Amino acid sequence: CSSLTSITIPPSVTEIGDEAFSGCSSLMSISIPPSVTRIRDFFGGTFEGCSSLTEVRIPKGCHVDDDAFKDCPNVQIIRY
């Protein structure tokens, strides 16, 4: 997924799993729909190494595990 620049998560998704977008180094932004209640990072960061990621919109009720955005130095998380 190294050339992936954006993601549209459909409203049918309720959880984003461990390492789902790990290594997507060109990913710049993502908006998580209100249907997602958890971003999980059991074995590794969900978005680990997404070095181009600058903006993530996460619904207020969504639980984000501790290392979900590991090695994402430029990320800004916006709760809505």
C-alpha atoms as a PDB file:
ATOM      1  CA  CYS A   1       0.000   0.000   0.000  1.00  0.00           C
ATOM      2  CA  SER A   2       2.989   2.339  -0.304  1.00  0.00           C
ATOM      3  CA  SER A   3       1.331   4.367  -3.089  1.00  0.00           C
ATOM      4  CA  LEU A   4      -2.049   4.713  -1.336  1.00  0.00           C
ATOM      5  CA  THR A   5      -2.709   8.435  -0.681  1.00  0.00           C
ATOM      6  CA  SER A   6      -6.251   8.438   0.735  1.00  0.00           C
ATOM      7  CA  ILE A   7      -8.774   6.042   2.214  1.00  0.00           C
ATOM      8  CA  THR A   8     -12.545   6.098   2.376  1.00  0.00           C
ATOM      9  CA  ILE A   9     -13.822   3.848   5.154  1.00  0.00           C
ATOM     10  CA  PRO A  10     -17.409   2.752   4.447  1.00  0.00           C
ATOM     11  CA  PRO A  11     -20.043   3.164   7.193  1.00  0.00           C
ATOM     12  CA  SER A  12     -20.439  -0.627   7.429  1.00  0.00           C
ATOM     13  CA  VAL A  13     -17.013  -0.867   9.135  1.00  0.00           C
ATOM     14  CA  THR A  14     -17.115  -0.986  12.952  1.00  0.00           C
ATOM     15  CA  GLU A  15     -13.451  -1.671  13.777  1.00  0.00           C
ATOM     16  CA  ILE A  16     -10.103  -1.088  12.099  1.00  0.00           C
ATOM     17  CA  GLY A  17      -7.741  -3.933  12.886  1.00  0.00           C
ATOM     18  CA  ASP A  18      -4.139  -4.302  13.861  1.00  0.00           C
ATOM     19  CA  GLU A  19      -1.644  -3.199  11.171  1.00  0.00           C
ATOM     20  CA  ALA A  20      -4.486  -2.568   8.698  1.00  0.00           C
ATOM     21  CA  PHE A  21      -2.672   0.341   7.049  1.00  0.00           C
ATOM     22  CA  SER A  22       0.830  -0.195   8.430  1.00  0.00           C
ATOM     23  CA  GLY A  23       3.538   0.957   6.046  1.00  0.00           C
ATOM     24  CA  CYS A  24       1.280   3.100   3.844  1.00  0.00           C
ATOM     25  CA  SER A  25       3.981   5.757   3.647  1.00  0.00           C
ATOM     26  CA  SER A  26       2.146   7.931   1.068  1.00  0.00           C
ATOM     27  CA  LEU A  27      -1.139   8.053   2.998  1.00  0.00           C
ATOM     28  CA  MET A  28      -1.864  11.717   3.791  1.00  0.00           C
ATOM     29  CA  SER A  29      -5.298  11.838   5.411  1.00  0.00           C
ATOM     30  CA  ILE A  30      -8.154   9.637   6.528  1.00  0.00           C
ATOM     31  CA  SER A  31     -11.603  10.233   7.919  1.00  0.00           C
ATOM     32  CA  ILE A  32     -13.016   7.521  10.172  1.00  0.00           C
ATOM     33  CA  PRO A  33     -16.837   7.237  10.040  1.00  0.00           C
ATOM     34  CA  PRO A  34     -18.928   7.291  13.257  1.00  0.00           C
ATOM     35  CA  SER A  35     -19.648   3.569  12.805  1.00  0.00           C
ATOM     36  CA  VAL A  36     -16.038   2.746  13.806  1.00  0.00           C
ATOM     37  CA  THR A  37     -15.886   2.229  17.568  1.00  0.00           C
ATOM     38  CA  ARG A  38     -12.296   0.996  17.878  1.00  0.00           C
ATOM     39  CA  ILE A  39      -8.907   1.333  16.211  1.00  0.00           C
ATOM     40  CA  ARG A  40      -6.947  -1.688  17.403  1.00  0.00           C
ATOM     41  CA  ASP A  41      -3.168  -2.184  17.652  1.00  0.00           C
ATOM     42  CA  PHE A  42      -2.691  -5.534  19.391  1.00  0.00           C
ATOM     43  CA  PHE A  43       0.509  -6.649  17.581  1.00  0.00           C
ATOM     44  CA  GLY A  44       1.534  -3.448  15.813  1.00  0.00           C
ATOM     45  CA  GLY A  45       0.299   0.008  14.981  1.00  0.00           C
ATOM     46  CA  THR A  46      -2.779   0.211  12.795  1.00  0.00           C
ATOM     47  CA  PHE A  47      -1.209   3.121  10.885  1.00  0.00           C
ATOM     48  CA  GLU A  48       2.407   2.461  11.918  1.00  0.00           C
ATOM     49  CA  GLY A  49       4.957   4.063   9.618  1.00  0.00           C
ATOM     50  CA  CYS A  50       2.476   6.246   7.744  1.00  0.00           C
ATOM     51  CA  SER A  51       5.044   9.035   7.643  1.00  0.00           C
ATOM     52  CA  SER A  52       3.027  11.274   5.281  1.00  0.00           C
ATOM     53  CA  LEU A  53      -0.119  11.078   7.405  1.00  0.00           C
ATOM     54  CA  THR A  54      -0.969  14.572   8.613  1.00  0.00           C
ATOM     55  CA  GLU A  55      -4.675  14.551   9.439  1.00  0.00           C
ATOM     56  CA  VAL A  56      -6.941  11.888  10.918  1.00  0.00           C
ATOM     57  CA  ARG A  57     -10.586  12.576  11.737  1.00  0.00           C
ATOM     58  CA  ILE A  58     -11.872  10.219  14.430  1.00  0.00           C
ATOM     59  CA  PRO A  59     -15.381  10.187  15.944  1.00  0.00           C
ATOM     60  CA  LYS A  60     -15.455  11.132  19.644  1.00  0.00           C
ATOM     61  CA  GLY A  61     -16.770   7.748  20.793  1.00  0.00           C
ATOM     62  CA  CYS A  62     -14.047   5.739  19.035  1.00  0.00           C
ATOM     63  CA  HIS A  63     -11.446   4.034  21.253  1.00  0.00           C
ATOM     64  CA  VAL A  64      -7.919   4.316  19.839  1.00  0.00           C
ATOM     65  CA  ASP A  65      -5.331   1.869  21.178  1.00  0.00           C
ATOM     66  CA  ASP A  66      -2.023   3.369  22.385  1.00  0.00           C
ATOM     67  CA  ASP A  67       0.277   2.595  19.441  1.00  0.00           C
ATOM     68  CA  ALA A  68      -2.240   2.902  16.610  1.00  0.00           C
ATOM     69  CA  PHE A  69      -0.297   5.836  15.132  1.00  0.00           C
ATOM     70  CA  LYS A  70       3.224   4.694  16.042  1.00  0.00           C
ATOM     71  CA  ASP A  71       5.954   6.285  13.887  1.00  0.00           C
ATOM     72  CA  CYS A  72       3.578   8.845  12.375  1.00  0.00           C
ATOM     73  CA  PRO A  73       5.579  11.982  13.236  1.00  0.00           C
ATOM     74  CA  ASN A  74       3.319  14.499  11.493  1.00  0.00           C
ATOM     75  CA  VAL A  75      -0.122  13.222  12.437  1.00  0.00           C
ATOM     76  CA  GLN A  76      -2.754  15.485  13.933  1.00  0.00           C
ATOM     77  CA  ILE A  77      -5.806  13.719  15.306  1.00  0.00           C
ATOM     78  CA  ILE A  78      -9.063  15.631  15.084  1.00  0.00           C
ATOM     79  CA  ARG A  79     -12.004  14.405  17.188  1.00  0.00           C
ATOM     80  CA  TYR A  80     -15.455  15.232  15.842  1.00  0.00           C
END
